[in-house]
Each structure stands twice: as structure tokens, then as C-alpha cells.
Amino acid sequence: MNVVITGANRGIGLGFVKHYLARDCYVWATYRSEHGGLHEIDNDRLRCIQWDVTDEISEARLKTMEMPDSIDLLINNAGIYGPKKAHGQSFDSVTAETMLEVFDVDCVGALRVSQALSTRVITARGVIANMSSKMGSNEDNTSGGGYAYRAAKAALVIVSRSMALDLAVDGVKVITLHPGWVSTDMTDNSGLIDVVTSVVGLSRVIENIDDYELGAFVAFDGQRVPF
């Protein structure tokens, strides 16, 4: 199986890389600027690719990356939180620049990558998994703040749903994921679960995608996330 994972140099993305390599998959792992934990993996089935998801990319560039002609699973994991709540995402401090920066990575980035790789995913009649967050759930928002991150992740749920409907005719299945509160750099290692627990759960959801409606928003434990 051919798997492409964005934002794969640390955290949940790196966890996905290790998970699918352990299952004898071929993995194309992308990173923005630093290899991070990918440097520590020695596996002939891993290809590491520098790809900033905010960049437009041509077919010629994809060929230089040696992307496979057929992609069974695309995981749009790349994302940023942006400034912490007290330093840029409170009502009084959040700026248009912050909103647009986070939105470009966390929402538009997933769409941009999916568009670039769509023919390859269609060839495989594959799966696209978009990494959102429960923080993007309007119903779950009981604390406010986090303006840029919440808005971008909420928008990704909508984009993902449209992708699911539009690509279904081509045999492509799309799902939106919530990884849980995971101990990573993004959460300052303050999460409730570790990366392995999250990744194992998320991969199980992906494997059982037929159990969910088109573009469903599903947590690592298999439960639907209210939106």
C-alpha cells in the first residue's frame, strides 16, 4: 500500500509513518523545513520529501519528488496552532495575519495537497484522511479563545465534507479525524493520550471508513464528533 503523510517529521505525523512502515507499506513522508524524527528511521520503504503545504506545486515538481502513480492513502496531517491563546489568539489580540496564516496551513493546505495528488488517489480509488480537531467543533466550544486554530479546523471539516461528496463519484473516500488530546510539541506534552494510542485508533477508523457516512468527523476512539 502506498501512503502519503504530510507534516510527518514529528508528533502524530511521525507516529503515522512508523505505524504504516511497520505494516509493510511504502510511505512518502513530507516535512516543511526540518527532517525531525524522520532522520532516525532507516527503512527502504520510506521516502522523505520537503513540501510546504502552503506552496502551490506543479506536476513537474511532483515527478521530481518521485510520487507514486497510485496513492492508496493520503493523510493530510500538516498543521500549526499559531500563537498560544494568551499571546495572540484571544479576542483582544488575534490579528487578521494570524487568522490567515493558520487557515492557509490547516485548511487550505489540506485542500491544496489533495488537489495536487487527486489523480493518483483516484487511480487507486483510495482514501483521503484530513486531520482536524475537536477544537473545530462549534458544539464543543465551551471555553472560547483559540480563534485562528478553531476557525481553521472548523473550516477543514466543511472542506472535507465537500471533498467526500465530490470525489465519491471517482471511488475516493474521505474522512475527517480528531486525534484526541495527544502529548506532542503542539500541546506542550500536556495531552491525555500518547501518539501511539492516537495513531492506532485513527488508523482503525481509516480502515473502517465504510462504517461512517461520507465526510464523517470521527475521533480516534471511533466516536463521531458533534459539529
C-alpha atoms as a PDB file:
ATOM      1  CA  MET A   1       0.000   0.000   0.000  1.00  0.00           C
ATOM      2  CA  ASN A   2       1.246   3.473  -0.886  1.00  0.00           C
ATOM      3  CA  VAL A   3       0.744   6.065   1.859  1.00  0.00           C
ATOM      4  CA  VAL A   4       1.471   9.806   1.725  1.00  0.00           C
ATOM      5  CA  ILE A   5       1.612  11.704   5.030  1.00  0.00           C
ATOM      6  CA  THR A   6       2.073  15.470   5.346  1.00  0.00           C
ATOM      7  CA  GLY A   7       3.639  17.077   8.407  1.00  0.00           C
ATOM      8  CA  ALA A   8       5.383  13.793   9.085  1.00  0.00           C
ATOM      9  CA  ASN A   9       8.568  14.905  10.840  1.00  0.00           C
ATOM     10  CA  ARG A  10       7.175  14.886  14.385  1.00  0.00           C
ATOM     11  CA  GLY A  11       4.185  14.180  16.576  1.00  0.00           C
ATOM     12  CA  ILE A  12       1.180  12.394  15.113  1.00  0.00           C
ATOM     13  CA  GLY A  13       2.563  12.553  11.576  1.00  0.00           C
ATOM     14  CA  LEU A  14       5.741  10.768  12.608  1.00  0.00           C
ATOM     15  CA  GLY A  15       3.613   8.270  14.500  1.00  0.00           C
ATOM     16  CA  PHE A  16       1.707   7.508  11.308  1.00  0.00           C
ATOM     17  CA  VAL A  17       4.979   6.999   9.429  1.00  0.00           C
ATOM     18  CA  LYS A  18       6.171   4.414  11.935  1.00  0.00           C
ATOM     19  CA  HIS A  19       2.757   2.745  12.046  1.00  0.00           C
ATOM     20  CA  TYR A  20       2.451   2.201   8.308  1.00  0.00           C
ATOM     21  CA  LEU A  21       6.086   1.220   7.813  1.00  0.00           C
ATOM     22  CA  ALA A  22       5.566  -1.461  10.459  1.00  0.00           C
ATOM     23  CA  ARG A  23       2.731  -2.752   8.268  1.00  0.00           C
ATOM     24  CA  ASP A  24       4.999  -3.075   5.247  1.00  0.00           C
ATOM     25  CA  CYS A  25       3.542  -0.058   3.454  1.00  0.00           C
ATOM     26  CA  TYR A  26       5.520   2.294   1.236  1.00  0.00           C
ATOM     27  CA  VAL A  27       5.487   5.737   2.822  1.00  0.00           C
ATOM     28  CA  TRP A  28       6.115   9.189   1.371  1.00  0.00           C
ATOM     29  CA  ALA A  29       6.630  11.487   4.369  1.00  0.00           C
ATOM     30  CA  THR A  30       6.597  15.238   3.855  1.00  0.00           C
ATOM     31  CA  TYR A  31       8.058  17.945   6.063  1.00  0.00           C
ATOM     32  CA  ARG A  32       8.201  21.729   5.811  1.00  0.00           C
ATOM     33  CA  SER A  33      11.834  22.533   6.656  1.00  0.00           C
ATOM     34  CA  GLU A  34      13.394  20.048   9.100  1.00  0.00           C
ATOM     35  CA  HIS A  35      13.520  16.251   8.897  1.00  0.00           C
ATOM     36  CA  GLY A  36      12.974  15.981  12.653  1.00  0.00           C
ATOM     37  CA  GLY A  37      12.363  12.409  13.775  1.00  0.00           C
ATOM     38  CA  LEU A  38      12.437  11.110  10.211  1.00  0.00           C
ATOM     39  CA  HIS A  39      16.243  11.200  10.446  1.00  0.00           C
ATOM     40  CA  GLU A  40      16.120   8.317  12.908  1.00  0.00           C
ATOM     41  CA  ILE A  41      14.232   5.938  10.602  1.00  0.00           C
ATOM     42  CA  ASP A  42      16.250   3.624   8.372  1.00  0.00           C
ATOM     43  CA  ASN A  43      13.819   1.911   6.028  1.00  0.00           C
ATOM     44  CA  ASP A  44      13.978   1.353   2.269  1.00  0.00           C
ATOM     45  CA  ARG A  45      10.209   1.851   2.017  1.00  0.00           C
ATOM     46  CA  LEU A  46      10.400   5.422   3.337  1.00  0.00           C
ATOM     47  CA  ARG A  47      10.908   8.459   1.141  1.00  0.00           C
ATOM     48  CA  CYS A  48      11.248  11.858   2.855  1.00  0.00           C
ATOM     49  CA  ILE A  49      10.117  14.883   0.857  1.00  0.00           C
ATOM     50  CA  GLN A  50      10.388  18.595   1.613  1.00  0.00           C
ATOM     51  CA  TRP A  51       6.978  20.082   0.852  1.00  0.00           C
ATOM     52  CA  ASP A  52       5.499  23.187   2.441  1.00  0.00           C
ATOM     53  CA  VAL A  53       1.733  22.728   2.118  1.00  0.00           C
ATOM     54  CA  THR A  54       1.280  26.490   1.646  1.00  0.00           C
ATOM     55  CA  ASP A  55       3.163  26.303  -1.670  1.00  0.00           C
ATOM     56  CA  GLU A  56       1.463  25.711  -4.998  1.00  0.00           C
ATOM     57  CA  ILE A  57       3.053  22.695  -6.628  1.00  0.00           C
ATOM     58  CA  SER A  58       3.315  21.623 -10.248  1.00  0.00           C
ATOM     59  CA  GLU A  59       3.085  18.190 -11.793  1.00  0.00           C
ATOM     60  CA  ALA A  60       6.717  18.548 -12.834  1.00  0.00           C
ATOM     61  CA  ARG A  61       7.714  19.098  -9.208  1.00  0.00           C
ATOM     62  CA  LEU A  62       5.685  16.071  -8.123  1.00  0.00           C
ATOM     63  CA  LYS A  63       7.600  13.966 -10.605  1.00  0.00           C
ATOM     64  CA  THR A  64      10.919  15.119  -9.163  1.00  0.00           C
ATOM     65  CA  MET A  65       9.593  14.002  -5.767  1.00  0.00           C
ATOM     66  CA  GLU A  66       9.021  10.561  -7.308  1.00  0.00           C
ATOM     67  CA  MET A  67       5.476  10.464  -6.037  1.00  0.00           C
ATOM     68  CA  PRO A  68       3.824   7.127  -6.856  1.00  0.00           C
ATOM     69  CA  ASP A  69       1.344   6.962  -9.721  1.00  0.00           C
ATOM     70  CA  SER A  70      -1.164   5.412  -7.338  1.00  0.00           C
ATOM     71  CA  ILE A  71      -1.814   6.557  -3.741  1.00  0.00           C
ATOM     72  CA  ASP A  72      -3.928   4.297  -1.536  1.00  0.00           C
ATOM     73  CA  LEU A  73      -3.992   6.621   1.464  1.00  0.00           C
ATOM     74  CA  LEU A  74      -3.342  10.353   1.752  1.00  0.00           C
ATOM     75  CA  ILE A  75      -3.196  11.696   5.309  1.00  0.00           C
ATOM     76  CA  ASN A  76      -3.366  15.490   5.437  1.00  0.00           C
ATOM     77  CA  ASN A  77      -1.786  15.886   8.849  1.00  0.00           C
ATOM     78  CA  ALA A  78       0.308  19.054   8.457  1.00  0.00           C
ATOM     79  CA  GLY A  79      -0.889  21.798  10.766  1.00  0.00           C
ATOM     80  CA  ILE A  80       0.061  24.594  13.116  1.00  0.00           C
ATOM     81  CA  TYR A  81      -1.621  26.010  16.188  1.00  0.00           C
ATOM     82  CA  GLY A  82      -0.362  29.558  15.793  1.00  0.00           C
ATOM     83  CA  PRO A  83       0.190  31.848  18.787  1.00  0.00           C
ATOM     84  CA  LYS A  84      -0.873  30.494  22.154  1.00  0.00           C
ATOM     85  CA  LYS A  85      -4.191  31.755  23.492  1.00  0.00           C
ATOM     86  CA  ALA A  86      -2.733  34.391  25.830  1.00  0.00           C
ATOM     87  CA  HIS A  87      -0.275  35.624  23.229  1.00  0.00           C
ATOM     88  CA  GLY A  88      -2.239  36.027  20.028  1.00  0.00           C
ATOM     89  CA  GLN A  89      -5.468  34.052  19.859  1.00  0.00           C
ATOM     90  CA  SER A  90      -7.583  35.834  22.454  1.00  0.00           C
ATOM     91  CA  PHE A  91     -10.390  38.142  21.353  1.00  0.00           C
ATOM     92  CA  ASP A  92      -8.288  41.221  22.100  1.00  0.00           C
ATOM     93  CA  SER A  93      -5.078  40.054  20.469  1.00  0.00           C
ATOM     94  CA  VAL A  94      -5.842  37.873  17.449  1.00  0.00           C
ATOM     95  CA  THR A  95      -4.978  39.533  14.135  1.00  0.00           C
ATOM     96  CA  ALA A  96      -6.043  39.039  10.543  1.00  0.00           C
ATOM     97  CA  GLU A  97      -2.496  37.927   9.737  1.00  0.00           C
ATOM     98  CA  THR A  98      -2.659  35.181  12.359  1.00  0.00           C
ATOM     99  CA  MET A  99      -6.078  34.037  11.148  1.00  0.00           C
ATOM    100  CA  LEU A 100      -4.901  33.831   7.542  1.00  0.00           C
ATOM    101  CA  GLU A 101      -1.601  32.104   8.351  1.00  0.00           C
ATOM    102  CA  VAL A 102      -3.226  29.312  10.357  1.00  0.00           C
ATOM    103  CA  PHE A 103      -6.084  28.972   7.872  1.00  0.00           C
ATOM    104  CA  ASP A 104      -3.646  28.628   4.985  1.00  0.00           C
ATOM    105  CA  VAL A 105      -1.803  25.736   6.629  1.00  0.00           C
ATOM    106  CA  ASP A 106      -4.568  23.922   8.491  1.00  0.00           C
ATOM    107  CA  CYS A 107      -7.403  24.189   5.974  1.00  0.00           C
ATOM    108  CA  VAL A 108      -6.228  25.374   2.555  1.00  0.00           C
ATOM    109  CA  GLY A 109      -3.079  23.268   2.838  1.00  0.00           C
ATOM    110  CA  ALA A 110      -5.098  20.050   3.015  1.00  0.00           C
ATOM    111  CA  LEU A 111      -7.170  21.106   0.014  1.00  0.00           C
ATOM    112  CA  ARG A 112      -4.071  22.180  -1.938  1.00  0.00           C
ATOM    113  CA  VAL A 113      -2.315  18.843  -1.364  1.00  0.00           C
ATOM    114  CA  SER A 114      -5.455  16.849  -2.162  1.00  0.00           C
ATOM    115  CA  GLN A 115      -5.904  18.718  -5.428  1.00  0.00           C
ATOM    116  CA  ALA A 116      -2.269  18.147  -6.397  1.00  0.00           C
ATOM    117  CA  LEU A 117      -2.452  14.404  -5.696  1.00  0.00           C
ATOM    118  CA  SER A 118      -6.066  13.760  -6.671  1.00  0.00           C
ATOM    119  CA  THR A 119      -5.391  11.855  -9.900  1.00  0.00           C
ATOM    120  CA  ARG A 120      -3.085   9.495  -8.037  1.00  0.00           C
ATOM    121  CA  VAL A 121      -5.637   8.875  -5.280  1.00  0.00           C
ATOM    122  CA  ILE A 122      -8.381   8.388  -7.882  1.00  0.00           C
ATOM    123  CA  THR A 123      -6.220   5.837  -9.702  1.00  0.00           C
ATOM    124  CA  ALA A 124      -6.065   3.778  -6.506  1.00  0.00           C
ATOM    125  CA  ARG A 125      -9.690   4.510  -5.560  1.00  0.00           C
ATOM    126  CA  GLY A 126      -8.024   5.446  -2.312  1.00  0.00           C
ATOM    127  CA  VAL A 127      -8.765   7.275   0.924  1.00  0.00           C
ATOM    128  CA  ILE A 128      -8.109  10.851   1.980  1.00  0.00           C
ATOM    129  CA  ALA A 129      -7.956  11.433   5.740  1.00  0.00           C
ATOM    130  CA  ASN A 130      -7.996  15.069   6.855  1.00  0.00           C
ATOM    131  CA  MET A 131      -6.718  15.848  10.358  1.00  0.00           C
ATOM    132  CA  SER A 132      -8.999  18.329  12.062  1.00  0.00           C
ATOM    133  CA  SER A 133      -9.577  18.713  15.798  1.00  0.00           C
ATOM    134  CA  LYS A 134     -12.446  18.700  18.259  1.00  0.00           C
ATOM    135  CA  MET A 135     -11.474  22.340  18.810  1.00  0.00           C
ATOM    136  CA  GLY A 136     -13.091  22.927  15.437  1.00  0.00           C
ATOM    137  CA  SER A 137     -16.448  21.742  16.772  1.00  0.00           C
ATOM    138  CA  ASN A 138     -18.873  24.594  17.391  1.00  0.00           C
ATOM    139  CA  GLU A 139     -20.901  22.424  19.751  1.00  0.00           C
ATOM    140  CA  ASP A 140     -17.821  21.505  21.787  1.00  0.00           C
ATOM    141  CA  ASN A 141     -16.574  25.095  22.186  1.00  0.00           C
ATOM    142  CA  THR A 142     -17.284  25.972  25.808  1.00  0.00           C
ATOM    143  CA  SER A 143     -14.159  27.992  26.606  1.00  0.00           C
ATOM    144  CA  GLY A 144     -13.750  30.488  23.746  1.00  0.00           C
ATOM    145  CA  GLY A 145     -10.371  31.725  22.541  1.00  0.00           C
ATOM    146  CA  GLY A 146      -8.194  29.891  20.036  1.00  0.00           C
ATOM    147  CA  TYR A 147      -9.762  31.932  17.252  1.00  0.00           C
ATOM    148  CA  ALA A 148      -7.421  31.074  14.400  1.00  0.00           C
ATOM    149  CA  TYR A 149      -6.973  27.396  15.229  1.00  0.00           C
ATOM    150  CA  ARG A 150     -10.661  26.766  15.923  1.00  0.00           C
ATOM    151  CA  ALA A 151     -11.774  28.548  12.757  1.00  0.00           C
ATOM    152  CA  ALA A 152      -9.273  26.759  10.517  1.00  0.00           C
ATOM    153  CA  LYS A 153     -10.113  23.333  11.891  1.00  0.00           C
ATOM    154  CA  ALA A 154     -13.847  24.027  11.620  1.00  0.00           C
ATOM    155  CA  ALA A 155     -13.388  25.105   8.004  1.00  0.00           C
ATOM    156  CA  LEU A 156     -11.469  21.908   7.292  1.00  0.00           C
ATOM    157  CA  VAL A 157     -14.477  19.854   8.399  1.00  0.00           C
ATOM    158  CA  ILE A 158     -16.598  21.662   5.796  1.00  0.00           C
ATOM    159  CA  VAL A 159     -13.953  21.361   3.079  1.00  0.00           C
ATOM    160  CA  SER A 160     -13.509  17.682   3.875  1.00  0.00           C
ATOM    161  CA  ARG A 161     -17.243  17.047   3.617  1.00  0.00           C
ATOM    162  CA  SER A 162     -17.351  18.700   0.187  1.00  0.00           C
ATOM    163  CA  MET A 163     -14.339  16.661  -0.922  1.00  0.00           C
ATOM    164  CA  ALA A 164     -16.111  13.493   0.206  1.00  0.00           C
ATOM    165  CA  LEU A 165     -19.198  14.302  -1.846  1.00  0.00           C
ATOM    166  CA  ASP A 166     -17.310  15.491  -4.913  1.00  0.00           C
ATOM    167  CA  LEU A 167     -14.800  12.614  -5.051  1.00  0.00           C
ATOM    168  CA  ALA A 168     -17.221   9.812  -4.251  1.00  0.00           C
ATOM    169  CA  VAL A 169     -18.069   9.507  -7.940  1.00  0.00           C
ATOM    170  CA  ASP A 170     -14.392   8.687  -8.561  1.00  0.00           C
ATOM    171  CA  GLY A 171     -14.362   5.984  -5.922  1.00  0.00           C
ATOM    172  CA  VAL A 172     -12.363   8.056  -3.413  1.00  0.00           C
ATOM    173  CA  LYS A 173     -13.428   8.002   0.234  1.00  0.00           C
ATOM    174  CA  VAL A 174     -12.800  10.983   2.520  1.00  0.00           C
ATOM    175  CA  ILE A 175     -12.941  11.184   6.307  1.00  0.00           C
ATOM    176  CA  THR A 176     -12.187  13.898   8.865  1.00  0.00           C
ATOM    177  CA  LEU A 177     -10.305  12.927  12.013  1.00  0.00           C
ATOM    178  CA  HIS A 178      -9.910  14.150  15.591  1.00  0.00           C
ATOM    179  CA  PRO A 179      -6.716  12.722  17.123  1.00  0.00           C
ATOM    180  CA  GLY A 180      -7.641  13.306  20.751  1.00  0.00           C
ATOM    181  CA  TRP A 181      -5.688  15.424  23.216  1.00  0.00           C
ATOM    182  CA  VAL A 182      -2.256  14.000  22.394  1.00  0.00           C
ATOM    183  CA  SER A 183       1.063  14.624  24.137  1.00  0.00           C
ATOM    184  CA  THR A 184       3.073  16.342  21.397  1.00  0.00           C
ATOM    185  CA  ASP A 185       5.096  19.516  20.916  1.00  0.00           C
ATOM    186  CA  MET A 186       1.909  21.309  19.863  1.00  0.00           C
ATOM    187  CA  THR A 187       0.270  20.575  23.231  1.00  0.00           C
ATOM    188  CA  ASP A 188       3.473  21.166  25.201  1.00  0.00           C
ATOM    189  CA  ASN A 189       3.323  17.443  26.008  1.00  0.00           C
ATOM    190  CA  SER A 190       0.280  18.025  28.193  1.00  0.00           C
ATOM    191  CA  GLY A 191      -2.068  15.627  26.407  1.00  0.00           C
ATOM    192  CA  LEU A 192      -4.193  12.867  27.871  1.00  0.00           C
ATOM    193  CA  ILE A 193      -3.035  10.144  25.466  1.00  0.00           C
ATOM    194  CA  ASP A 194       0.230   9.324  23.715  1.00  0.00           C
ATOM    195  CA  VAL A 195       0.939   9.351  19.992  1.00  0.00           C
ATOM    196  CA  VAL A 196       0.789   5.571  19.608  1.00  0.00           C
ATOM    197  CA  THR A 197      -2.677   5.384  21.182  1.00  0.00           C
ATOM    198  CA  SER A 198      -3.920   8.129  18.882  1.00  0.00           C
ATOM    199  CA  VAL A 199      -2.390   6.708  15.711  1.00  0.00           C
ATOM    200  CA  VAL A 200      -3.565   3.157  16.348  1.00  0.00           C
ATOM    201  CA  GLY A 201      -7.089   4.431  16.914  1.00  0.00           C
ATOM    202  CA  LEU A 202      -7.046   6.737  13.897  1.00  0.00           C
ATOM    203  CA  SER A 203      -5.704   4.036  11.591  1.00  0.00           C
ATOM    204  CA  ARG A 204      -8.507   1.754  12.778  1.00  0.00           C
ATOM    205  CA  VAL A 205     -11.051   4.440  11.891  1.00  0.00           C
ATOM    206  CA  ILE A 206      -9.476   4.780   8.442  1.00  0.00           C
ATOM    207  CA  GLU A 207      -9.591   1.025   7.913  1.00  0.00           C
ATOM    208  CA  ASN A 208     -13.283   1.014   8.846  1.00  0.00           C
ATOM    209  CA  ILE A 209     -14.203   4.078   6.803  1.00  0.00           C
ATOM    210  CA  ASP A 210     -17.159   2.242   5.259  1.00  0.00           C
ATOM    211  CA  ASP A 211     -18.812   2.256   8.696  1.00  0.00           C
ATOM    212  CA  TYR A 212     -19.212   6.038   8.507  1.00  0.00           C
ATOM    213  CA  GLU A 213     -21.138   8.438   6.306  1.00  0.00           C
ATOM    214  CA  LEU A 214     -19.371  10.454   3.609  1.00  0.00           C
ATOM    215  CA  GLY A 215     -17.027  13.020   5.119  1.00  0.00           C
ATOM    216  CA  ALA A 216     -17.790  11.973   8.694  1.00  0.00           C
ATOM    217  CA  PHE A 217     -15.956  13.703  11.559  1.00  0.00           C
ATOM    218  CA  VAL A 218     -14.616  10.902  13.750  1.00  0.00           C
ATOM    219  CA  ALA A 219     -12.387  10.754  16.820  1.00  0.00           C
ATOM    220  CA  PHE A 220      -9.520   8.329  17.392  1.00  0.00           C
ATOM    221  CA  ASP A 221     -11.815   6.157  19.521  1.00  0.00           C
ATOM    222  CA  GLY A 222     -14.281   5.696  16.673  1.00  0.00           C
ATOM    223  CA  GLN A 223     -16.887   8.087  18.056  1.00  0.00           C
ATOM    224  CA  ARG A 224     -18.444  10.733  15.810  1.00  0.00           C
ATOM    225  CA  VAL A 225     -17.545  14.281  16.795  1.00  0.00           C
ATOM    226  CA  PRO A 226     -20.502  16.712  17.047  1.00  0.00           C
ATOM    227  CA  PHE A 227     -20.014  19.707  14.774  1.00  0.00           C
END
